[in-house]
């Protein structure tokens, strides 16, 4: 039996073999720095086209052109390196218009070929969500030339910050090469979050000038410091958008294969971005699995999947979808941590609690119930359920909940208690974008203020929410900067703010709050609160000390939770009337300054 060609570019001593999947005949395009040479590819069957070229090797720029539109230079979906970032241009979406000077060249590159060690991150630990560029652009101790790159995350000052907070793993927002949405350039804006990727394996050159080797080295340095790395990956769509979007890769090769379509031939938009990858197609899943293996070989601990229900759509969500079994059956991927963002905007898109039992899931109900209770319009019983691991969602055993009060998508923690409404005017969409209902509050003054009483209430609220988070059962997540009151000035959708709004300001950070979070992290570790198993003999009481009965939860302004801890007990006292949350084991950690 003849083995199927290995997709992508495979170098050898004698040259490079290329293989790509496409619906029509394909030409391999080779760039020598001055001109383009085209090589007709051979039909290898089952939609795969191949070519082997002698005399070339690592570093060779290449691309493809498909008979469907020979004017469009196409990036290899299996490319692991690009010569430059993507840049939007209207000509990219115009049929028949030449784009050879506009599209990055794929680069023949070596891939990590090592057996990585097992993950060091374990459920129950603290995940620290990081936007690679924004996290270090203003860091005074990181060399200017290194700011905004993956390598900057290995700087001793950054590692010291992460260790102080006892971060178990940093979760990197998307690092693969992305393109700006077409409405951004006319506004003078650009996407900085990266949730608009084109191909799934090539790291954006702006974030990693050293490519996959830079990621591998950074992961190793962080691992030596006891910190794992999780990658946030986007497999629900690609940056070629809707019918008017650019032709860059998948669209030009075989749109019918890669993108999901309705019965009338229109593009399905379960991602809200113009197209949706069709994960019911084995070829699409093969591309996803190849990407996961590529990054797992770089040593990362695991993956967080953006709009994860798309992975299991065919077209409806199926909790037994093939991709789950394929990941579980892969010897390398089965050892990695998998985290789902368990919602998309398609029919039946909210799937919290329905992913595989060994997957973790972002729990937005945790966020909302904590905010509602502390704002004053939520129930104590709902808060207690979330703190105890959301058994109503994940069952009575070990919880799979990833608990968070704030994340990249929405208000920062500081803005949650300072803005009752979003303030996204800088995004150029008349303040219509982003979440409209954030369950937030402003403590009497919207936004910035010099009122000492208002500032004190906001500080107390931040500390209360953080205490509840660190006392909760399950994995917990903080977004970078929330430990020291980072603000986005009320912008709750700062994806296009590659500027001071979206960058972490290290010079004005609240060091007292940062020290408080470090103390919470130490307390959580010392007293076994970083558990996913059920609480042992949890004792729930009313604020007056009497045992909590079922009927007492309605209308309660708080509660006391006591957990045995050796010869003593950990006590969490939550009192909305006095705006206090105390976490005690002999000495109290309170939300008051």
Protein backbone atom coordinates (compact mmCIF):
# COMPACT_ATOMS: atom_id res chain seq x y z
CA UNK A 1 0.00 0.00 0.00
CA UNK A 2 1.38 3.44 -0.97
CA UNK A 3 1.49 5.84 1.96
CA UNK A 4 -0.52 9.04 1.62
CA UNK A 5 1.61 12.14 0.99
CA UNK A 6 2.55 14.17 4.05
CA UNK A 7 0.80 17.50 3.66
CA UNK A 8 2.90 20.65 3.84
CA UNK A 9 6.56 21.06 2.94
CA UNK A 10 8.89 18.21 3.89
CA UNK A 11 12.63 18.90 3.46
CA UNK A 12 15.18 16.14 2.80
CA UNK A 13 18.83 15.95 1.81
CA UNK A 14 17.92 16.08 -1.87
CA UNK A 15 15.24 18.80 -1.85
CA UNK A 16 11.72 19.48 -0.63
CA UNK A 17 8.48 17.55 -1.17
CA UNK A 18 5.26 19.58 -1.21
CA UNK A 19 1.69 18.33 -0.81
CA UNK A 20 -1.51 20.32 -0.61
CA UNK A 21 -5.21 19.53 -0.72
CA UNK A 22 -7.20 21.43 -3.36
CA UNK A 23 -10.33 21.12 -5.48
CA UNK A 24 -8.66 22.12 -8.76
CA UNK A 25 -5.17 21.75 -10.27
CA UNK A 26 -2.45 23.56 -8.34
CA UNK A 27 0.88 25.16 -9.17
CA UNK A 28 3.68 25.34 -6.63
CA UNK A 29 5.21 28.82 -6.61
CA UNK A 30 8.84 29.29 -5.55
CA UNK A 31 10.31 32.71 -4.81
CA UNK A 32 14.00 33.45 -5.28
CA UNK A 33 13.89 37.00 -3.95
CA UNK A 34 13.33 38.58 -7.33
CA UNK A 35 10.96 36.40 -9.33
CA UNK A 36 8.41 33.65 -9.02
CA UNK A 37 8.90 30.20 -10.53
CA UNK A 38 5.84 27.96 -11.03
CA UNK A 39 5.85 24.19 -10.96
CA UNK A 40 2.80 22.18 -12.02
CA UNK A 41 1.83 19.77 -9.26
CA UNK A 42 0.83 16.14 -9.80
CA UNK A 43 -2.62 14.83 -8.93
CA UNK A 44 -1.92 12.22 -6.23
CA UNK A 45 -5.60 11.35 -5.82
CA UNK A 46 -8.23 12.11 -3.21
CA UNK A 47 -7.81 15.84 -3.75
CA UNK A 48 -4.10 15.97 -2.92
CA UNK A 49 -1.53 17.58 -5.25
CA UNK A 50 2.20 16.94 -4.92
CA UNK A 51 5.55 18.13 -6.23
CA UNK A 52 9.17 17.43 -5.31
CA UNK A 53 11.83 20.01 -6.14
CA UNK A 54 15.54 19.27 -5.94
CA UNK A 55 18.18 21.76 -4.96
CA UNK A 56 16.13 23.72 -2.43
CA UNK A 57 15.84 23.38 1.32
CA UNK A 58 15.12 25.11 4.60
CA UNK A 59 14.29 28.78 4.26
CA UNK A 60 12.80 28.46 0.77
CA UNK A 61 9.80 30.81 0.27
CA UNK A 62 6.87 29.14 -1.46
CA UNK A 63 3.14 29.39 -2.04
CA UNK A 64 0.42 27.96 -4.25
CA UNK A 65 -1.85 29.09 -7.04
CA UNK A 66 -5.02 27.15 -7.83
CA UNK A 67 -6.67 26.95 -11.22
CA UNK A 68 -9.87 28.35 -9.68
CA UNK A 69 -8.20 31.82 -9.59
CA UNK A 70 -4.57 31.89 -10.70
CA UNK A 71 -4.24 35.56 -9.69
CA UNK A 72 -4.34 34.65 -6.01
CA UNK A 73 -1.16 33.57 -4.23
CA UNK A 74 -2.19 31.12 -1.50
CA UNK A 75 -0.56 30.29 1.80
CA UNK A 76 -0.04 26.60 2.59
CA UNK A 77 -2.54 25.59 5.32
CA UNK A 78 0.24 23.42 6.77
CA UNK A 79 2.85 26.19 6.70
CA UNK A 80 4.78 26.53 9.95
CA UNK A 81 6.51 29.82 9.11
CA UNK A 82 5.79 32.97 7.06
CA UNK A 83 8.13 35.64 5.75
CA UNK A 84 5.96 38.50 7.05
CA UNK A 85 2.62 39.20 8.75
CA UNK A 86 -0.67 39.42 6.89
CA UNK A 87 -1.86 42.91 5.97
CA UNK A 88 -5.38 43.58 4.74
CA UNK A 89 -5.81 45.08 1.27
CA UNK A 90 -9.11 45.29 -0.67
CA UNK A 91 -7.41 43.64 -3.65
CA UNK A 92 -7.17 40.42 -1.63
CA UNK A 93 -10.93 39.97 -1.99
CA UNK A 94 -11.25 40.99 -5.64
CA UNK A 95 -11.50 37.95 -7.97
CA UNK A 96 -8.92 37.90 -10.74
CA UNK A 97 -6.77 40.63 -9.19
CA UNK A 98 -3.10 39.69 -8.71
CA UNK A 99 -2.04 39.35 -5.06
CA UNK A 100 1.49 37.96 -5.31
CA UNK A 101 2.95 41.09 -3.73
CA UNK A 102 0.33 41.22 -0.99
CA UNK A 103 0.30 37.73 0.52
CA UNK A 104 3.06 36.38 2.78
CA UNK A 105 5.22 33.58 1.45
CA UNK A 106 5.21 30.28 3.31
CA UNK A 107 8.71 29.26 4.40
CA UNK A 108 10.12 25.74 4.38
CA UNK A 109 11.00 25.30 8.07
CA UNK A 110 12.04 22.69 10.55
CA UNK A 111 9.40 21.66 13.04
CA UNK A 112 10.00 20.55 16.63
CA UNK A 113 10.67 16.84 16.57
CA UNK A 114 11.03 15.97 20.22
CA UNK A 115 8.93 14.01 22.67
CA UNK A 116 7.82 16.71 25.10
CA UNK A 117 7.61 16.05 28.83
CA UNK A 118 4.20 15.66 30.48
CA UNK A 119 2.36 18.88 31.34
CA UNK A 120 3.21 20.50 34.66
CA UNK A 121 -0.13 22.30 34.85
CA UNK A 122 -2.78 20.45 36.83
CA UNK A 123 -6.48 21.35 37.12
CA UNK A 124 -7.12 23.49 40.17
CA UNK A 125 -4.17 25.77 39.50
CA UNK A 126 -4.19 29.42 38.49
CA UNK A 127 -4.25 30.19 34.76
CA UNK A 128 -2.99 33.64 33.83
CA UNK A 129 -4.42 34.86 30.52
CA UNK A 130 -1.89 36.87 28.51
CA UNK A 131 -2.05 38.87 25.32
CA UNK A 132 1.56 38.48 24.21
CA UNK A 133 1.91 41.91 22.65
CA UNK A 134 -0.02 43.97 25.18
CA UNK A 135 1.50 42.27 28.23
CA UNK A 136 5.06 43.52 27.73
CA UNK A 137 4.83 46.54 25.40
CA UNK A 138 5.12 48.91 28.39
CA UNK A 139 7.19 46.74 30.72
CA UNK A 140 10.09 48.94 31.89
CA UNK A 141 12.46 46.04 32.59
CA UNK A 142 12.02 44.19 29.31
CA UNK A 143 14.46 45.40 26.62
CA UNK A 144 12.69 47.63 24.10
CA UNK A 145 13.58 45.39 21.17
CA UNK A 146 12.02 42.39 22.89
CA UNK A 147 8.78 43.98 24.04
CA UNK A 148 5.62 42.55 22.53
CA UNK A 149 7.21 39.19 21.68
CA UNK A 150 6.94 35.67 23.01
CA UNK A 151 10.58 35.82 24.09
CA UNK A 152 9.72 38.67 26.48
CA UNK A 153 7.64 36.24 28.55
CA UNK A 154 10.89 34.53 29.60
CA UNK A 155 12.37 37.74 31.03
CA UNK A 156 13.28 37.34 34.73
CA UNK A 157 11.08 40.29 35.74
CA UNK A 158 8.05 38.74 34.05
CA UNK A 159 8.74 35.33 35.57
CA UNK A 160 9.15 36.89 39.02
CA UNK A 161 5.69 38.47 38.69
CA UNK A 162 4.14 35.17 37.64
CA UNK A 163 5.83 33.25 40.45
CA UNK A 164 4.73 35.78 43.03
CA UNK A 165 1.12 35.11 42.05
CA UNK A 166 1.79 31.34 41.97
CA UNK A 167 0.68 31.11 38.37
CA UNK A 168 0.41 27.47 37.32
CA UNK A 169 0.18 28.22 33.60
CA UNK A 170 0.02 31.23 31.34
CA UNK A 171 -2.61 31.03 28.63
CA UNK A 172 -1.44 32.85 25.51
CA UNK A 173 -4.14 34.49 23.47
CA UNK A 174 -3.80 33.50 19.78
CA UNK A 175 -0.24 33.58 18.49
CA UNK A 176 -0.70 32.18 14.97
CA UNK A 177 -0.61 34.65 12.08
CA UNK A 178 -3.81 36.63 11.74
CA UNK A 179 -5.21 39.36 9.48
CA UNK A 180 -7.10 42.51 10.39
CA UNK A 181 -10.84 42.55 9.78
CA UNK A 182 -11.44 44.69 6.71
CA UNK A 183 -13.27 47.47 8.57
CA UNK A 184 -10.27 48.21 10.81
CA UNK A 185 -7.65 49.79 8.46
CA UNK A 186 -9.95 52.68 7.41
CA UNK A 187 -10.43 53.41 11.12
CA UNK A 188 -6.70 53.47 11.75
CA UNK A 189 -7.03 50.39 13.96
CA UNK A 190 -5.60 46.89 13.92
CA UNK A 191 -6.45 43.62 15.58
CA UNK A 192 -4.20 42.94 18.56
CA UNK A 193 -6.00 39.94 20.09
CA UNK A 194 -5.35 37.61 17.15
CA UNK A 195 -8.75 35.89 16.96
CA UNK A 196 -8.76 36.09 13.16
CA UNK A 197 -6.13 33.54 12.05
CA UNK A 198 -5.45 32.54 8.47
CA UNK A 199 -3.47 29.30 8.85
CA UNK A 200 -3.22 27.36 12.12
CA UNK A 201 0.50 26.58 12.57
CA UNK A 202 2.57 29.58 11.48
CA UNK A 203 3.25 31.90 14.42
CA UNK A 204 2.75 35.59 13.63
CA UNK A 205 6.21 37.03 12.87
CA UNK A 206 5.40 40.12 14.94
CA UNK A 207 5.06 37.99 18.05
CA UNK A 208 7.89 35.55 17.38
CA UNK A 209 10.63 36.77 15.04
CA UNK A 210 12.40 33.53 15.97
CA UNK A 211 9.44 31.37 14.94
CA UNK A 212 8.64 28.07 16.60
CA UNK A 213 12.15 27.95 18.11
CA UNK A 214 11.35 31.13 20.05
CA UNK A 215 8.18 29.57 21.43
CA UNK A 216 10.00 26.34 22.32
CA UNK A 217 12.74 28.20 24.17
CA UNK A 218 10.26 30.39 26.05
CA UNK A 219 8.17 27.39 27.06
CA UNK A 220 11.27 25.65 28.37
CA UNK A 221 12.32 28.67 30.43
CA UNK A 222 8.86 29.07 31.92
CA UNK A 223 8.68 25.37 32.65
CA UNK A 224 11.98 25.53 34.52
CA UNK A 225 10.36 28.21 36.67
CA UNK A 226 7.39 25.93 37.39
CA UNK A 227 5.01 27.66 34.97
CA UNK A 228 3.19 25.81 32.19
CA UNK A 229 1.98 27.24 28.87
CA UNK A 230 -1.48 26.86 27.33
CA UNK A 231 -2.25 28.13 23.83
CA UNK A 232 -5.58 29.70 22.94
CA UNK A 233 -6.29 28.38 19.43
CA UNK A 234 -9.00 29.33 16.94
CA UNK A 235 -10.39 26.46 14.90
CA UNK A 236 -13.91 27.81 14.45
CA UNK A 237 -13.17 30.06 11.45
CA UNK A 238 -10.34 31.65 9.50
CA UNK A 239 -9.60 35.22 8.52
CA UNK A 240 -10.95 34.91 4.98
CA UNK A 241 -14.30 36.09 6.36
CA UNK A 242 -17.51 36.21 4.30
CA UNK A 243 -18.14 36.31 0.55
CA UNK A 244 -16.47 39.73 0.32
CA UNK A 245 -13.46 38.68 2.35
CA UNK A 246 -9.91 38.03 1.17
CA UNK A 247 -8.70 34.91 -0.62
CA UNK A 248 -5.57 33.84 1.24
CA UNK A 249 -5.49 30.06 1.71
CA UNK A 250 -8.43 27.75 2.42
CA UNK A 251 -10.89 29.71 0.30
CA UNK A 252 -8.67 29.58 -2.76
CA UNK A 253 -7.78 25.91 -2.36
CA UNK A 254 -11.15 24.34 -1.60
CA UNK A 255 -13.78 26.51 0.05
CA UNK A 256 -16.43 23.79 -0.29
CA UNK A 257 -14.28 21.43 1.78
CA UNK A 258 -13.00 23.73 4.49
CA UNK A 259 -16.00 26.04 5.12
CA UNK A 260 -19.46 24.94 6.27
CA UNK A 261 -22.30 25.82 3.92
CA UNK A 262 -26.07 25.78 4.19
CA UNK A 263 -28.31 23.86 1.83
CA UNK A 264 -28.64 26.99 -0.32
CA UNK A 265 -24.87 27.27 -0.64
CA UNK A 266 -24.43 30.25 1.66
CA UNK A 267 -21.65 30.31 4.19
CA UNK A 268 -22.71 29.23 7.68
CA UNK A 269 -21.65 31.82 10.25
CA UNK A 270 -21.73 30.05 13.62
CA UNK A 271 -18.57 31.95 14.54
CA UNK A 272 -19.92 35.46 13.87
CA UNK A 273 -16.94 36.25 11.66
CA UNK A 274 -18.23 35.40 8.19
CA UNK A 275 -17.28 31.75 7.85
CA UNK A 276 -17.16 28.58 9.94
CA UNK A 277 -14.72 25.71 9.55
CA UNK A 278 -16.49 22.44 8.74
CA UNK A 279 -15.15 20.10 11.40
CA UNK A 280 -17.43 17.35 10.14
CA UNK A 281 -14.89 16.99 7.31
CA UNK A 282 -12.04 14.53 8.09
CA UNK A 283 -9.59 16.77 6.22
CA UNK A 284 -10.44 19.73 8.45
CA UNK A 285 -10.00 17.65 11.59
CA UNK A 286 -6.69 16.34 10.24
CA UNK A 287 -5.47 19.93 9.89
CA UNK A 288 -6.55 20.71 13.45
CA UNK A 289 -4.84 17.62 14.86
CA UNK A 290 -1.66 18.40 12.94
CA UNK A 291 -1.65 21.89 14.46
CA UNK A 292 -2.13 20.54 17.97
CA UNK A 293 0.72 18.05 17.51
CA UNK A 294 2.97 20.77 16.10
CA UNK A 295 2.58 22.94 19.20
CA UNK A 296 2.57 20.01 21.63
CA UNK A 297 6.02 19.09 20.30
CA UNK A 298 7.11 22.61 21.27
CA UNK A 299 6.37 21.60 24.86
CA UNK A 300 3.13 23.42 25.63
CA UNK A 301 0.92 21.95 28.33
CA UNK A 302 -2.37 22.22 26.55
CA UNK A 303 -4.89 24.18 24.55
CA UNK A 304 -7.90 26.40 25.02
CA UNK A 305 -10.36 26.24 22.11
CA UNK A 306 -12.15 29.44 21.10
CA UNK A 307 -15.87 28.87 20.35
CA UNK A 308 -15.30 25.18 20.91
CA UNK A 309 -18.77 23.87 19.93
CA UNK A 310 -17.76 24.41 16.30
CA UNK A 311 -15.31 21.52 16.74
CA UNK A 312 -18.25 19.19 17.27
CA UNK A 313 -20.76 20.56 14.78
CA UNK A 314 -22.04 18.54 11.91
CA UNK A 315 -24.10 20.83 11.69
CA UNK A 316 -25.55 20.46 15.22
CA UNK A 317 -23.37 20.02 18.29
CA UNK A 318 -22.58 16.38 19.06
CA UNK A 319 -20.91 15.55 22.41
CA UNK A 320 -19.69 12.33 20.75
CA UNK A 321 -18.18 14.13 17.76
CA UNK A 322 -15.23 12.34 16.11
CA UNK A 323 -12.66 14.97 17.02
CA UNK A 324 -12.92 14.19 20.73
CA UNK A 325 -12.09 10.53 20.16
CA UNK A 326 -9.31 11.45 17.74
CA UNK A 327 -7.65 13.70 20.30
CA UNK A 328 -8.04 11.08 23.02
CA UNK A 329 -6.53 8.38 20.80
CA UNK A 330 -3.44 10.39 19.90
CA UNK A 331 -0.55 9.37 22.22
CA UNK A 332 0.84 12.91 22.34
CA UNK A 333 -2.39 14.91 22.52
CA UNK A 334 -3.96 12.60 25.09
CA UNK A 335 -1.38 13.86 27.61
CA UNK A 336 -2.21 17.55 27.05
CA UNK A 337 -4.75 19.70 28.91
CA UNK A 338 -7.84 20.56 26.85
CA UNK A 339 -10.04 23.56 27.71
CA UNK A 340 -13.25 24.50 25.92
CA UNK A 341 -14.90 27.86 25.56
CA UNK A 342 -18.24 26.03 25.46
CA UNK A 343 -20.34 28.39 23.37
CA UNK A 344 -20.72 29.77 19.85
CA UNK A 345 -23.51 31.78 18.21
CA UNK A 346 -24.92 28.94 16.12
CA UNK A 347 -28.16 27.03 16.83
CA UNK A 348 -27.89 25.34 20.22
CA UNK A 349 -24.54 27.00 20.65
CA UNK A 350 -24.43 27.12 24.46
CA UNK A 351 -22.94 23.78 25.54
CA UNK A 352 -21.52 24.40 29.01
CA UNK A 353 -21.00 21.07 30.77
CA UNK A 354 -21.29 18.88 27.66
CA UNK A 355 -17.66 18.47 26.66
CA UNK A 356 -15.66 15.30 27.42
CA UNK A 357 -15.16 14.44 31.08
CA UNK A 358 -11.42 15.03 30.88
CA UNK A 359 -11.81 18.53 29.39
CA UNK A 360 -11.99 21.73 31.41
CA UNK A 361 -14.57 24.37 30.46
CA UNK A 362 -14.75 28.13 30.84
CA UNK A 363 -17.69 28.83 33.14
CA UNK A 364 -19.40 32.12 32.35
CA UNK A 365 -22.17 31.31 34.82
CA UNK A 366 -19.54 31.57 37.55
CA UNK A 367 -18.58 35.07 36.37
CA UNK A 368 -22.15 36.26 36.07
CA UNK A 369 -23.39 34.86 39.38
CA UNK A 370 -20.47 36.36 41.30
CA UNK A 371 -20.98 39.76 39.72
CA UNK A 372 -24.74 39.72 40.19
CA UNK A 373 -24.52 38.80 43.86
CA UNK A 374 -21.92 41.42 44.70
CA UNK A 375 -23.75 44.06 42.66
CA UNK A 376 -26.80 43.37 44.79
CA UNK A 377 -29.24 41.62 42.48
CA UNK A 378 -28.02 38.01 42.63
CA UNK A 379 -28.82 35.10 44.92
CA UNK A 380 -26.58 33.78 47.68
CA UNK A 381 -27.49 30.22 46.72
CA UNK A 382 -26.26 30.72 43.17
CA UNK A 383 -23.01 32.19 44.49
CA UNK A 384 -22.49 29.24 46.84
CA UNK A 385 -23.10 26.78 44.01
CA UNK A 386 -20.47 28.48 41.86
CA UNK A 387 -17.88 28.64 44.67
CA UNK A 388 -18.41 24.95 45.40
CA UNK A 389 -17.65 23.88 41.81
CA UNK A 390 -20.94 24.28 39.90
CA UNK A 391 -22.26 20.80 40.57
CA UNK A 392 -25.46 21.75 38.78
CA UNK A 393 -23.37 21.94 35.59
CA UNK A 394 -20.55 19.44 36.07
CA UNK A 395 -22.03 16.92 38.48
CA UNK A 396 -21.23 16.08 42.07
CA UNK A 397 -17.72 14.71 41.50
CA UNK A 398 -14.55 16.48 40.46
CA UNK A 399 -15.38 19.78 38.84
CA UNK A 400 -14.18 20.74 35.36
CA UNK A 401 -15.00 24.41 35.87
CA UNK A 402 -12.58 27.17 34.90
CA UNK A 403 -13.74 29.96 37.18
CA UNK A 404 -13.15 33.59 36.27
CA UNK A 405 -14.52 36.99 37.26
CA UNK A 406 -13.11 38.77 34.20
CA UNK A 407 -11.38 37.72 30.99
CA UNK A 408 -10.08 39.33 27.81
CA UNK A 409 -13.59 39.49 26.39
CA UNK A 410 -15.43 42.05 28.50
CA UNK A 411 -14.54 44.50 31.24
CA UNK A 412 -11.33 44.15 33.18
CA UNK A 413 -11.80 43.45 36.87
CA UNK A 414 -11.10 47.09 37.75
CA UNK A 415 -13.58 48.34 35.14
CA UNK A 416 -16.26 45.92 36.35
CA UNK A 417 -16.62 47.99 39.53
CA UNK A 418 -16.08 51.40 37.87
CA UNK A 419 -18.34 51.35 34.80
CA UNK A 420 -22.01 50.49 34.61
CA UNK A 421 -21.96 50.84 30.82
CA UNK A 422 -19.45 50.02 28.09
CA UNK A 423 -17.38 52.85 26.63
CA UNK A 424 -16.14 51.47 23.31
CA UNK A 425 -16.17 54.69 21.27
CA UNK A 426 -12.49 54.26 20.38
CA UNK A 427 -13.44 51.13 18.42
CA UNK A 428 -15.21 53.22 15.78
CA UNK A 429 -18.51 51.33 15.89
CA UNK A 430 -20.62 53.96 17.71
CA UNK A 431 -20.33 52.01 20.97
CA UNK A 432 -22.46 49.17 19.57
CA UNK A 433 -19.81 46.45 19.80
CA UNK A 434 -18.98 44.37 22.87
CA UNK A 435 -21.32 43.02 25.53
CA UNK A 436 -24.22 45.28 26.42
CA UNK A 437 -25.01 43.66 29.78
CA UNK A 438 -21.90 43.17 31.88
CA UNK A 439 -23.47 42.84 35.36
CA UNK A 440 -21.14 45.68 36.34
CA UNK A 441 -21.51 48.77 38.51
CA UNK A 442 -19.74 52.07 39.10
CA UNK A 443 -20.09 52.71 42.86
CA UNK A 444 -21.82 56.02 42.22
CA UNK A 445 -19.47 57.58 39.67
CA UNK A 446 -18.98 56.40 36.10
CA UNK A 447 -15.31 55.91 35.24
CA UNK A 448 -12.37 57.89 36.54
CA UNK A 449 -12.76 59.86 39.76
CA UNK A 450 -10.80 61.48 42.58
CA UNK A 451 -13.51 60.77 45.14
CA UNK A 452 -11.71 58.92 47.93
CA UNK A 453 -14.85 57.20 49.21
CA UNK A 454 -15.73 55.87 45.76
CA UNK A 455 -12.18 54.68 45.21
CA UNK A 456 -12.21 52.87 48.55
CA UNK A 457 -15.48 51.10 47.70
CA UNK A 458 -14.07 50.03 44.35
CA UNK A 459 -10.93 48.70 45.99
CA UNK A 460 -13.02 46.75 48.49
CA UNK A 461 -15.16 45.31 45.69
CA UNK A 462 -12.12 44.20 43.71
CA UNK A 463 -10.69 42.48 46.75
CA UNK A 464 -14.00 40.82 47.55
CA UNK A 465 -14.33 39.37 44.05
CA UNK A 466 -10.72 38.20 44.06
CA UNK A 467 -11.14 36.55 47.46
CA UNK A 468 -14.19 34.69 46.23
CA UNK A 469 -12.27 33.55 43.15
CA UNK A 470 -9.27 32.23 45.09
CA UNK A 471 -11.55 30.48 47.59
CA UNK A 472 -13.46 28.66 44.85
CA UNK A 473 -13.23 24.99 44.00
CA UNK A 474 -11.91 24.31 40.51
CA UNK A 475 -9.39 25.85 38.17
CA UNK A 476 -9.22 29.63 38.41
CA UNK A 477 -8.28 32.20 35.77
CA UNK A 478 -7.00 35.76 35.99
CA UNK A 479 -6.40 38.02 33.03
CA UNK A 480 -3.02 39.72 33.00
CA UNK A 481 -3.16 42.97 34.94
CA UNK A 482 -6.30 42.23 36.92
CA UNK A 483 -4.11 41.46 39.93
CA UNK A 484 -3.07 45.12 40.01
CA UNK A 485 -6.22 46.94 38.82
CA UNK A 486 -5.51 47.34 35.12
CA UNK A 487 -8.09 49.50 33.35
CA UNK A 488 -9.17 49.75 29.72
CA UNK A 489 -11.10 52.97 30.49
CA UNK A 490 -14.41 51.22 30.17
CA UNK A 491 -13.68 49.55 26.82
CA UNK A 492 -15.04 46.02 27.06
CA UNK A 493 -14.02 44.93 23.56
CA UNK A 494 -10.46 46.21 23.15
CA UNK A 495 -9.51 43.74 20.41
CA UNK A 496 -8.47 46.55 18.08
CA UNK A 497 -6.71 48.78 20.62
CA UNK A 498 -3.04 48.19 19.93
CA UNK A 499 -2.20 51.15 22.13
CA UNK A 500 -2.33 52.29 25.75
CA UNK A 501 -5.94 51.15 26.10
CA UNK A 502 -5.03 47.54 25.34
CA UNK A 503 -1.51 47.46 26.79
CA UNK A 504 -0.75 46.58 30.40
CA UNK A 505 0.60 49.63 32.27
CA UNK A 506 3.26 48.37 34.67
CA UNK A 507 4.31 51.75 36.07
CA UNK A 508 0.97 52.76 37.60
CA UNK A 509 -0.08 49.36 38.88
CA UNK A 510 -1.74 48.98 42.28
CA UNK A 511 1.05 47.26 44.19
CA UNK A 512 -1.06 46.92 47.34
CA UNK A 513 -3.69 44.96 45.43
CA UNK A 514 -0.95 42.89 43.81
CA UNK A 515 0.40 41.99 47.24
CA UNK A 516 -3.11 41.06 48.36
CA UNK A 517 -3.52 38.71 45.39
CA UNK A 518 -0.14 37.14 46.15
CA UNK A 519 -1.35 36.51 49.71
CA UNK A 520 -4.56 34.96 48.39
CA UNK A 521 -2.54 32.69 46.10
CA UNK A 522 -0.33 31.57 48.98
CA UNK A 523 -3.37 30.91 51.18
CA UNK A 524 -5.07 28.90 48.43
CA UNK A 525 -2.01 26.70 48.00
CA UNK A 526 -1.30 26.30 51.73
CA UNK A 527 -4.79 25.16 52.64
CA UNK A 528 -5.73 22.94 49.73
CA UNK A 529 -8.26 25.25 48.10
CA UNK A 530 -6.74 24.46 44.70
CA UNK A 531 -8.80 21.30 44.51
CA UNK A 532 -11.20 19.97 41.91
CA UNK A 533 -12.52 17.17 44.12
CA UNK A 534 -15.58 17.87 46.27
CA UNK A 535 -15.14 19.85 49.46
CA UNK A 536 -14.64 17.53 52.45
CA UNK A 537 -17.48 17.95 54.95
CA UNK A 538 -18.39 21.49 53.92
CA UNK A 539 -20.32 23.30 56.65
CA UNK A 540 -22.58 26.08 55.34
CA UNK A 541 -23.91 28.54 57.93
CA UNK A 542 -25.94 31.72 58.06
CA UNK A 543 -24.24 34.98 58.91
CA UNK A 544 -25.56 34.64 62.48
CA UNK A 545 -23.73 31.32 62.81
CA UNK A 546 -26.77 29.05 62.65
CA UNK A 547 -26.78 26.13 60.18
CA UNK A 548 -28.00 27.14 56.72
CA UNK A 549 -31.32 25.52 55.79
CA UNK A 550 -32.72 25.28 52.28
CA UNK A 551 -35.17 28.09 52.87
CA UNK A 552 -32.48 30.38 54.25
CA UNK A 553 -30.75 30.85 50.92
CA UNK A 554 -33.60 32.92 49.50
CA UNK A 555 -32.90 36.54 50.25
CA UNK A 556 -29.69 35.84 52.19
CA UNK A 557 -27.07 38.58 52.10
CA UNK A 558 -24.28 36.10 52.53
CA UNK A 559 -23.12 32.98 54.30
CA UNK A 560 -20.25 31.35 56.11
CA UNK A 561 -18.46 28.34 54.64
CA UNK A 562 -16.26 26.23 56.94
CA UNK A 563 -13.93 23.59 55.53
CA UNK A 564 -11.93 21.23 57.77
CA UNK A 565 -8.17 21.64 57.43
CA UNK A 566 -6.27 19.40 59.79
CA UNK A 567 -7.01 20.38 63.35
CA UNK A 568 -8.43 23.72 62.27
CA UNK A 569 -10.76 25.01 59.56
CA UNK A 570 -10.72 27.36 56.62
CA UNK A 571 -13.54 29.85 56.93
CA UNK A 572 -14.99 31.96 54.14
CA UNK A 573 -17.36 34.66 55.37
CA UNK A 574 -19.34 36.54 52.72
CA UNK A 575 -21.41 39.53 53.87
CA UNK A 576 -22.94 41.76 51.23
CA UNK A 577 -24.43 44.14 53.79
CA UNK A 578 -21.04 45.21 55.10
CA UNK A 579 -19.30 44.71 51.72
CA UNK A 580 -16.86 42.29 53.34
CA UNK A 581 -15.43 38.94 52.31
CA UNK A 582 -13.04 37.31 54.78
CA UNK A 583 -10.96 34.19 54.21
CA UNK A 584 -9.55 32.91 57.49
CA UNK A 585 -7.32 30.24 58.97
CA UNK A 586 -6.31 31.82 62.19
CA UNK A 587 -5.49 35.09 60.40
CA UNK A 588 -8.04 36.80 58.16
CA UNK A 589 -7.62 37.90 54.56
CA UNK A 590 -10.28 40.55 54.08
CA UNK A 591 -11.26 42.74 51.18
CA UNK A 592 -10.74 45.90 53.23
CA UNK A 593 -7.45 47.71 52.56
